[in-house]
Protein backbone atom coordinates (compact mmCIF):
# COMPACT_ATOMS: atom_id res chain seq x y z
CA MET A 1 0.00 0.00 0.00
CA PRO A 2 1.55 3.38 -1.03
CA LYS A 3 2.39 5.85 1.73
CA LEU A 4 1.98 9.62 1.70
CA LEU A 5 3.73 11.64 4.38
CA GLN A 6 2.96 15.35 4.70
CA ILE A 7 4.83 17.85 6.86
CA ASN A 8 3.26 21.07 8.11
CA SER A 9 3.44 23.29 11.16
CA VAL A 10 -0.16 22.40 12.16
CA VAL A 11 -2.81 19.77 11.41
CA ASN A 12 -6.50 20.36 10.73
CA THR A 13 -6.42 23.94 11.99
CA GLY A 14 -5.84 27.13 10.05
CA SER A 15 -5.73 27.19 6.25
CA THR A 16 -2.64 25.03 5.65
CA GLY A 17 -3.62 22.59 8.40
CA ARG A 18 -7.06 22.05 6.86
CA ILE A 19 -5.53 21.57 3.40
CA ALA A 20 -3.12 18.91 4.73
CA GLU A 21 -6.00 17.12 6.46
CA GLN A 22 -8.09 17.14 3.27
CA LEU A 23 -5.23 15.66 1.28
CA GLY A 24 -4.71 13.02 3.94
CA GLU A 25 -8.37 12.02 3.82
CA PHE A 26 -8.24 11.88 0.03
CA ALA A 27 -5.15 9.67 0.19
CA ILE A 28 -6.97 7.27 2.48
CA SER A 29 -9.96 7.20 0.11
CA GLN A 30 -7.56 6.19 -2.69
CA GLY A 31 -6.20 3.26 -0.69
CA TRP A 32 -3.01 4.96 0.53
CA ASP A 33 -1.67 5.20 4.06
CA SER A 34 -1.53 8.80 5.21
CA TYR A 35 0.89 10.32 7.72
CA ILE A 36 1.09 13.96 8.77
CA ALA A 37 4.09 15.23 10.74
CA TYR A 38 3.64 18.54 12.53
CA GLY A 39 5.34 20.85 14.95
CA ARG A 40 2.94 23.16 16.73
CA GLU A 41 -0.70 22.14 16.98
CA ALA A 42 -2.94 19.29 15.84
CA ARG A 43 -6.66 18.74 15.99
CA GLU A 44 -8.38 15.41 15.40
CA SER A 45 -7.18 13.78 12.20
CA LYS A 46 -7.86 10.69 10.12
CA SER A 47 -4.15 10.39 9.31
CA TYR A 48 -1.38 8.95 11.46
CA LEU A 49 0.09 11.93 13.31
CA ILE A 50 3.74 12.46 14.22
CA GLN A 51 4.83 15.42 16.32
CA ILE A 52 8.26 16.83 15.56
CA GLY A 53 9.82 18.03 18.80
CA GLY A 54 7.74 19.76 21.47
CA LYS A 55 7.24 23.04 23.30
CA LEU A 56 10.83 23.21 24.56
CA SER A 57 12.23 22.56 21.09
CA VAL A 58 9.99 25.28 19.61
CA TYR A 59 11.04 27.72 22.32
CA ILE A 60 14.75 27.08 21.74
CA HIS A 61 14.25 27.42 17.99
CA ALA A 62 12.45 30.76 18.46
CA ILE A 63 15.24 32.11 20.68
CA GLY A 64 17.88 30.93 18.24
CA THR A 65 16.05 32.62 15.37
CA MET A 66 15.78 35.89 17.26
CA LEU A 67 19.49 35.96 18.12
CA THR A 68 20.92 34.75 14.78
CA ASP A 69 18.34 35.19 11.98
CA ARG A 70 18.96 31.57 11.00
CA HIS A 71 15.37 30.46 11.15
CA GLY A 72 14.77 26.85 10.21
CA LEU A 73 18.28 25.70 11.18
CA PHE A 74 17.61 24.78 14.80
CA SER A 75 15.54 21.85 16.19
CA LEU A 76 18.52 19.58 15.46
CA CYS A 77 17.61 16.77 17.89
CA ALA A 78 13.90 16.89 17.03
CA THR A 79 14.66 16.68 13.31
CA LYS A 80 17.20 13.88 13.73
CA LYS A 81 14.63 11.83 15.66
CA PHE A 82 11.99 12.51 13.02
CA LEU A 83 14.28 11.44 10.17
CA LYS A 84 14.81 8.11 11.92
CA GLN A 85 11.02 7.73 11.91
CA LEU A 86 11.03 8.44 8.17
CA ASP A 87 13.52 5.59 7.76
CA GLU A 88 10.97 3.28 9.38
CA ILE A 89 7.93 4.58 7.48
CA LYS A 90 9.61 4.63 4.05
CA PRO A 91 7.07 6.99 2.41
CA ASP A 92 6.51 6.77 -1.33
CA VAL A 93 5.90 10.52 -1.52
CA VAL A 94 6.72 13.33 0.90
CA HIS A 95 4.62 16.49 0.63
CA LEU A 96 5.98 19.59 2.36
CA HIS A 97 3.73 22.49 3.31
CA ASN A 98 5.05 25.09 5.77
CA ILE A 99 8.49 23.92 6.88
CA HIS A 100 9.08 27.12 8.79
CA GLY A 101 7.52 27.83 12.18
CA TYR A 102 10.23 26.99 14.75
CA TYR A 103 9.82 23.21 14.67
CA ILE A 104 12.10 21.56 12.08
CA ASN A 105 15.58 21.93 10.59
CA TYR A 106 14.68 22.38 6.93
CA LEU A 107 18.26 21.90 5.71
CA MET A 108 18.59 18.49 7.40
CA LEU A 109 15.19 17.55 5.96
CA LEU A 110 15.98 18.61 2.39
CA ASN A 111 19.38 16.92 2.49
CA TYR A 112 17.74 13.71 3.70
CA LEU A 113 15.10 13.77 0.94
CA HIS A 114 17.83 14.44 -1.64
CA LYS A 115 20.07 11.65 -0.36
CA LYS A 116 17.21 9.14 -0.27
CA ASN A 117 15.83 10.41 -3.61
CA ILE A 118 12.30 10.47 -2.18
CA PRO A 119 9.73 12.05 -4.53
CA THR A 120 8.96 15.41 -2.96
CA VAL A 121 6.16 17.93 -3.49
CA ILE A 122 6.48 21.37 -1.91
CA THR A 123 3.35 23.51 -1.77
CA MET A 124 4.23 27.21 -1.76
CA HIS A 125 1.72 28.69 0.68
CA ASP A 126 3.93 31.77 1.12
CA PHE A 127 7.26 33.25 0.02
CA TRP A 128 9.56 31.93 2.75
CA LEU A 129 11.45 29.40 0.60
CA MET A 130 12.40 32.08 -1.93
CA THR A 131 13.64 34.77 0.49
CA GLY A 132 16.43 35.14 2.98
CA HIS A 133 14.06 36.07 5.77
CA CYS A 134 10.46 37.00 4.97
CA ALA A 135 7.42 34.75 4.79
CA TYR A 136 5.69 37.43 2.75
CA ILE A 137 7.41 39.96 0.52
CA ASN A 138 7.03 43.70 0.25
CA LYS A 139 6.43 44.58 -3.39
CA SER A 140 8.76 47.55 -3.03
CA CYS A 141 11.64 45.14 -2.28
CA ASP A 142 13.16 42.95 -4.99
CA LYS A 143 16.26 41.73 -3.16
CA TRP A 144 14.79 38.21 -3.12
CA LYS A 145 15.39 38.03 -6.89
CA ILE A 146 19.18 38.22 -6.78
CA GLY A 147 20.17 37.66 -3.14
CA CYS A 148 18.89 39.18 0.07
CA GLY A 149 20.73 41.35 2.58
CA LYS A 150 19.94 44.34 4.80
CA CYS A 151 16.39 43.05 5.13
CA PRO A 152 13.84 45.85 5.66
CA ARG A 153 11.45 43.45 7.41
CA LEU A 154 13.79 41.93 9.95
CA HIS A 155 11.36 42.81 12.76
CA GLN A 156 8.59 40.77 11.17
CA TYR A 157 8.09 36.99 11.36
CA PRO A 158 10.42 35.24 11.84
CA ALA A 159 11.74 38.24 13.79
CA ALA A 160 15.47 38.57 14.44
CA LYS A 161 17.88 41.07 15.97
CA VAL A 162 20.68 40.58 13.43
CA ASP A 163 20.60 40.25 9.66
CA HIS A 164 21.77 37.06 7.98
CA SER A 165 19.22 37.21 5.16
CA GLY A 166 21.91 37.12 2.47
CA ARG A 167 23.44 33.97 3.93
CA ASN A 168 20.01 32.37 4.32
CA TRP A 169 19.20 33.08 0.65
CA ILE A 170 22.36 31.27 -0.49
CA THR A 171 21.68 28.32 1.86
CA LYS A 172 18.22 27.84 0.36
CA LEU A 173 19.49 28.20 -3.19
CA GLU A 174 22.16 25.55 -2.68
CA ALA A 175 19.83 23.11 -0.89
CA LEU A 176 16.94 23.33 -3.33
CA SER A 177 18.93 23.50 -6.57
CA ARG A 178 20.59 20.13 -5.95
CA MET A 179 17.35 18.27 -5.27
CA GLY A 180 16.31 16.07 -8.15
CA ASN A 181 12.93 14.41 -7.67
CA ILE A 182 11.04 17.53 -6.61
CA VAL A 183 8.13 19.68 -7.81
CA LEU A 184 7.10 23.04 -6.42
CA VAL A 185 3.38 23.78 -6.27
CA PRO A 186 2.58 27.51 -6.16
CA VAL A 187 -1.07 27.94 -5.16
CA SER A 188 -1.76 30.59 -7.81
CA ASN A 189 -0.41 31.73 -11.15
CA TRP A 190 0.30 35.06 -9.45
CA LEU A 191 2.66 33.34 -7.01
CA ASP A 192 4.20 31.25 -9.78
CA GLY A 193 5.23 34.49 -11.45
CA PHE A 194 7.34 35.34 -8.39
CA VAL A 195 8.77 31.81 -8.26
CA LYS A 196 10.06 32.15 -11.81
CA GLU A 197 12.03 35.28 -10.85
CA SER A 198 13.44 33.85 -7.62
CA LEU A 199 16.15 31.47 -6.45
CA LEU A 200 13.62 28.71 -7.24
CA GLN A 201 13.44 29.50 -10.95
CA GLY A 202 15.43 26.39 -11.85
CA VAL A 203 13.08 24.05 -9.99
CA LYS A 204 10.11 22.52 -11.79
CA SER A 205 6.82 24.13 -10.74
CA HIS A 206 3.19 23.19 -11.28
CA VAL A 207 0.31 25.42 -10.15
CA ILE A 208 -2.50 23.80 -8.16
CA TYR A 209 -5.08 26.01 -6.48
CA ASN A 210 -6.05 25.48 -2.86
CA GLY A 211 -9.19 23.37 -2.64
CA ILE A 212 -12.49 24.28 -0.97
CA ASP A 213 -14.72 21.60 0.54
CA THR A 214 -18.01 22.77 -0.96
CA ASN A 215 -19.91 20.23 1.13
CA VAL A 216 -18.77 22.17 4.21
CA PHE A 217 -18.74 25.70 2.86
CA LYS A 218 -22.20 26.34 1.41
CA PRO A 219 -25.02 28.86 1.94
CA TYR A 220 -26.11 28.83 5.57
CA ASP A 221 -29.80 29.13 6.44
CA ALA A 222 -30.02 27.40 9.82
CA LYS A 223 -30.64 29.08 13.16
CA THR A 224 -28.11 31.69 14.18
CA ALA A 225 -24.77 30.49 15.52
CA VAL A 226 -23.47 34.04 15.83
CA GLU A 227 -24.62 36.57 18.40
CA GLY A 228 -24.34 40.35 18.51
CA VAL A 229 -24.76 41.13 14.79
CA ASP A 230 -27.52 43.33 13.37
CA TRP A 231 -27.95 41.77 9.95
CA ASN A 232 -30.26 44.60 8.87
CA LYS A 233 -27.20 46.78 8.33
CA PHE A 234 -25.04 46.50 5.23
CA THR A 235 -22.29 44.17 6.41
CA ILE A 236 -18.72 43.92 5.15
CA MET A 237 -16.74 40.99 6.54
CA SER A 238 -12.95 40.64 6.72
CA ILE A 239 -11.14 37.64 8.19
CA ALA A 240 -7.55 36.65 8.95
CA THR A 241 -5.84 34.00 11.02
CA ARG A 242 -4.00 36.84 12.74
CA TRP A 243 -4.45 40.52 11.92
CA THR A 244 -1.29 42.57 11.29
CA ASP A 245 -0.42 45.73 9.39
CA ALA A 246 1.09 43.56 6.66
CA ASN A 247 -2.15 41.72 5.84
CA GLY A 248 -4.47 44.71 5.85
CA TYR A 249 -5.47 45.50 9.43
CA ASP A 250 -4.97 49.24 8.93
CA ASP A 251 -7.03 49.17 5.72
CA VAL A 252 -10.02 47.62 7.47
CA ILE A 253 -9.84 50.15 10.30
CA LYS A 254 -9.60 52.93 7.73
CA LEU A 255 -12.63 51.54 5.93
CA SER A 256 -14.65 51.82 9.14
CA THR A 257 -14.12 55.59 9.07
CA LEU A 258 -15.47 55.84 5.51
CA LEU A 259 -18.78 54.06 6.01
CA SER A 260 -22.23 55.56 6.57
CA GLU A 261 -24.22 54.80 9.74
CA ASP A 262 -26.23 52.04 8.06
CA ALA A 263 -23.11 49.97 7.34
CA GLN A 264 -20.83 47.89 9.57
CA ILE A 265 -17.76 45.69 9.45
CA ILE A 266 -17.21 42.24 10.93
CA MET A 267 -13.57 41.39 11.66
CA VAL A 268 -12.67 37.79 12.50
CA GLY A 269 -9.26 36.80 13.89
CA LEU A 270 -8.59 39.67 16.30
CA ASP A 271 -6.45 39.28 19.42
CA ASP A 272 -7.46 40.52 22.88
CA GLU A 273 -5.81 43.92 22.52
CA GLN A 274 -7.32 44.50 19.08
CA MET A 275 -10.76 43.51 20.37
CA GLN A 276 -10.56 46.30 22.95
CA ASN A 277 -9.55 48.99 20.46
CA ILE A 278 -11.82 48.48 17.44
CA PRO A 279 -14.17 51.30 16.34
CA ALA A 280 -17.85 51.24 17.29
CA ASN A 281 -19.00 50.17 13.82
CA VAL A 282 -16.67 47.15 13.79
CA ILE A 283 -17.90 43.90 15.35
CA GLY A 284 -14.90 41.84 16.40
CA PHE A 285 -14.45 38.11 16.78
CA LYS A 286 -11.41 36.12 17.78
CA LYS A 287 -10.14 33.28 15.62
CA THR A 288 -12.84 30.64 15.22
CA GLU A 289 -12.55 26.98 14.29
CA SER A 290 -16.34 26.64 14.06
CA PHE A 291 -17.46 25.94 10.52
CA GLU A 292 -21.02 26.79 11.54
CA GLN A 293 -19.97 30.29 12.63
CA LEU A 294 -17.82 30.81 9.56
CA LYS A 295 -20.60 29.69 7.20
CA GLU A 296 -23.09 32.02 8.85
CA LEU A 297 -20.74 34.98 8.78
CA TYR A 298 -19.82 34.33 5.15
CA SER A 299 -23.42 33.70 4.06
CA LYS A 300 -25.15 36.58 5.84
CA SER A 301 -22.56 39.27 5.08
CA ASP A 302 -23.30 41.37 2.01
CA VAL A 303 -19.73 41.27 0.79
CA ILE A 304 -16.30 40.04 1.91
CA PHE A 305 -13.35 42.41 1.75
CA ASN A 306 -9.93 40.78 1.49
CA PRO A 307 -7.35 43.56 2.07
CA ASN A 308 -4.31 41.27 2.04
CA ALA A 309 -1.99 42.43 -0.75
CA GLU A 310 0.47 39.59 -0.09
CA VAL A 311 -1.88 36.60 0.12
CA THR A 312 -0.75 33.82 -2.21
CA PHE A 313 -4.23 32.45 -2.92
CA GLY A 314 -7.04 33.72 -0.73
CA LEU A 315 -8.73 30.76 0.92
CA VAL A 316 -11.25 32.97 2.72
CA THR A 317 -12.18 34.57 -0.60
CA ALA A 318 -13.07 31.21 -2.12
CA GLU A 319 -14.79 29.95 1.07
CA ALA A 320 -17.04 33.02 1.11
CA MET A 321 -17.93 32.59 -2.56
CA ALA A 322 -18.79 28.94 -1.89
CA CYS A 323 -21.28 30.29 0.65
CA GLY A 324 -22.78 32.52 -2.05
CA THR A 325 -21.22 35.86 -1.12
CA PRO A 326 -19.28 38.13 -3.52
CA VAL A 327 -15.81 39.39 -2.60
CA ILE A 328 -13.79 42.60 -2.97
CA VAL A 329 -10.10 41.94 -3.69
CA LEU A 330 -7.13 44.18 -4.39
CA GLU A 331 -5.71 44.70 -7.85
CA ASP A 332 -2.46 42.88 -8.68
CA THR A 333 -3.01 40.14 -6.09
CA ALA A 334 -3.81 36.44 -6.29
CA GLY A 335 -7.42 37.33 -5.46
CA GLU A 336 -7.93 38.46 -9.04
CA GLU A 337 -7.69 34.81 -10.13
CA ILE A 338 -10.52 33.78 -7.83
CA VAL A 339 -13.22 36.32 -8.70
CA ASP A 340 -14.64 37.31 -12.06
CA VAL A 341 -16.95 40.14 -13.12
CA GLU A 342 -20.02 38.22 -11.91
CA THR A 343 -18.68 37.18 -8.52
CA GLY A 344 -16.46 39.97 -7.21
CA TYR A 345 -14.96 43.41 -7.43
CA VAL A 346 -11.35 44.52 -7.89
CA VAL A 347 -10.14 47.77 -6.30
CA THR A 348 -6.80 49.53 -6.26
CA SER A 349 -7.21 50.69 -2.65
CA VAL A 350 -9.59 50.62 0.29
CA ASP A 351 -10.78 54.14 -0.60
CA GLU A 352 -12.78 52.68 -3.51
CA VAL A 353 -14.80 50.27 -1.36
CA PRO A 354 -17.56 52.62 -0.06
CA ALA A 355 -18.50 53.64 -3.62
CA LEU A 356 -19.19 49.96 -4.42
CA ILE A 357 -21.87 49.55 -1.77
CA SER A 358 -24.76 50.78 -3.92
CA THR A 359 -23.63 48.48 -6.77
CA ILE A 360 -23.38 45.49 -4.43
CA LYS A 361 -26.88 46.18 -3.10
CA ALA A 362 -28.26 46.44 -6.63
CA ASN A 363 -26.56 43.20 -7.72
CA LYS A 364 -27.58 41.20 -4.65
CA SER A 365 -29.74 38.33 -5.84
CA VAL A 366 -30.20 34.59 -5.73
CA GLU A 367 -28.60 34.46 -9.18
CA THR A 368 -25.46 36.29 -8.02
CA SER A 369 -25.17 33.97 -5.02
CA ALA A 370 -25.51 30.94 -7.26
CA LYS A 371 -22.82 32.23 -9.64
CA CYS A 372 -20.40 32.71 -6.72
CA ARG A 373 -20.87 29.15 -5.57
CA GLU A 374 -20.81 27.75 -9.09
CA ARG A 375 -17.44 29.36 -9.79
CA VAL A 376 -15.88 27.74 -6.72
CA ILE A 377 -17.35 24.34 -7.56
CA GLU A 378 -15.98 24.56 -11.11
CA GLN A 379 -12.56 26.08 -10.38
CA PHE A 380 -11.56 25.43 -6.75
CA ASN A 381 -13.44 22.36 -5.54
CA SER A 382 -11.23 20.35 -3.17
CA LYS A 383 -11.90 17.03 -4.90
CA LYS A 384 -10.57 18.40 -8.20
CA GLN A 385 -7.51 19.95 -6.58
CA ASN A 386 -6.78 16.85 -4.50
CA GLN A 387 -6.98 14.72 -7.64
CA LYS A 388 -4.41 17.01 -9.31
CA TYR A 389 -2.07 16.43 -6.37
CA PHE A 390 -2.60 12.69 -6.58
CA ASP A 391 -1.85 12.64 -10.28
CA LEU A 392 1.38 14.48 -9.43
CA TYR A 393 2.24 12.04 -6.62
CA LYS A 394 1.79 9.05 -8.91
CA GLU A 395 3.82 10.64 -11.67
CA LEU A 396 6.73 11.41 -9.35
CA ALA A 397 6.65 8.03 -7.62
CA ARG A 398 5.89 6.17 -10.86
CA ILE A 399 2.81 4.58 -9.35
CA LYS A 400 0.08 3.48 -11.77
């Protein structure tokens, strides 16, 4: 029986964790054994779970990163133990998701996969593999194209006090360029454009969109699972796993100052401090793992606003559309690949959003809702995307 082993920072929580779980379930349905190795957090899973290291290992890795800017090169003992487990499992395919996050030594891992010639798929959920420091890039910086150094985002994740971004860039280039049986999977054509200008340009890449489980995310018409929302007001929803300036927090707060009294914003993913400081016309929620709450918020909002200019796909955009709600995305982002003229709106800045409200109200209909869901089913359905991954697995591992 073939064996798939995925590696990610989390399992069945957050966007990448849910994607890994979906792929694991699909593998099982195809008669494969499924393993998921993780470092930080895991919810209930149908796959065999393997934790890499523990809290102490993560803590040491975080301190080491802060002091040296050599993120991903600690967790030596935890990684060595995990690689011995790989020797026992003997996976037919290894699928890497986020291999940053203070839990694994990526260089030891890549060298092992190269030495053993194990077919390897790497999903590019962000930019970390192609930079010397950043998980997400600033469009005003193009150092990642030719070699990093003097990083302008050193204070951002994975934060450090000294700058070794140039050295990190070279380390990644050397490790990834010598790997043979490997395919990169950018999650959008937009991201693939960056890949082809980066240190990864010599590595084979194949775009596969993130998949949406349309049996889970669908229009919600059951009793309310969300309290404290006046659905009679025009409602704009924005959601993030964690709100920061980099992914649009300031834009959403600015939008709140531009709205009339009959409109409101719902923000999901706020921390305790942010919850205490939001404007009166913003209804705040912390991160939720409840699909029922998410479906209701997506379905009953009039429009979703995704202000993240650096998002590599836009899972929340597609989830909302699967629930029948149109989305506003920013120009020159991956979000433009998800919406079309019948299912969303493209703006150059947050200042253009209020002027769209009358148009959104006029276009609101059962037909519009149906078109949003239909687009996700046709283009981003998880079964179709999972099958694309499986075709890739079998091709790499030469499994019929």
